[in-house]
Amino acid sequence: MSHTLRLTSKENWLEDLPVAVRDAVKARMTLQTFAAGSTVTHAGDAPRHMHRVVDGYLKLMAHHASGEESMLVIYIPGNCWAETAIVAKRPLNHTTVALTDVQISSLSQEDFWDLYRRHSEIPEALCRKFAISLSRTTINRGLQGTISLRGLVAMAFANLAENCPGDVFGNGCSLGVPIKLADIAAYFGVTRQSVQTVVSQLKERGILEKQAGVWMIHDRARLLQERSA
C-alpha cells in the first residue's frame, strides 16, 4: 500500500466516542470565535484548555532557534489539539494561527481530567490519536526523503483538495483554505523560489492556478500523477 503526504488529517477522536460520552464532553465545552490571522494559542503557554475546530481552518506553527517559523499541520473542522500537553503536563510546544475566521470549542483542563477519569473510552481514543499522529509524522518524513519536490508539492495540494475543498467543479475544485507558498516551502525545508518553480510547472500543465487569491485545482487525478514525476 502506497503512502501519501498529509498536511491535514480528518482525525476526529471526539466524534468516534460513544454517543453518551461524546455528548458529555461537548456539554462542557464553550464556543469562541477568532478572526483570520489571530493567534489562538501560544507556544510556551500552560495548556488550560483542550480545543476543537468547529468551523474554519488553522495552522500549527513551530518556532525555531534561528527565529524562523514553519508550518507543521493544518487543522480542519473536527480536529482537536492541546490534549497532548494536558496529558503530558507540559507547556504548549507550538502556536496556532487562524487561517480563516474560525469557531473553536474549548474544554477546561479540570473538566478534561474529570471526564478522562470517568470514561475509559477517552484515554483509549487519545491513545489511538497519538499513535496515528506519530505514524503520520513518520510517513511524511520518509516521503520527503524519497520523492521529488514536484511530487511533494502535488501531494500537498491533493491533500488540501481532499480535506479543504471549496467549490467543486468537474474533476477539480477550489481550496477553501488560503495557503501561502512560503508555508509550503517552510514545511518542506526548501526555498520559496523552489516551490514557486514547481507551482509554475503545474500551472503550465493546466493543473493548478490561483484566481483572486483562491487556489484552483483543475484536475485532481492529474495532480496525483505528479507524485511520480
Foldseek 3Di string as FASTA:
>chain_A
DDDFAALEDPDALLVVDPPVLSVLQLVQWDKDKDAAFDWDDAFPAFLFKKKFWQAAKKWKWAADPVRDIATAHMYHHRDIDPPVCLVVVGTHRTIIGGQHITMMIIHGSVRVVVSVVVDVSVVVSVVVVVVVVVVSVVSNVVLLVPWDPLLNLLSHVLNQCVRAFDADDDQWTKGNGQDDLCNVCRNSVHDSVVSVVSVVVCVVVVQWDADPRIIIGPHNVVSNVSRRD
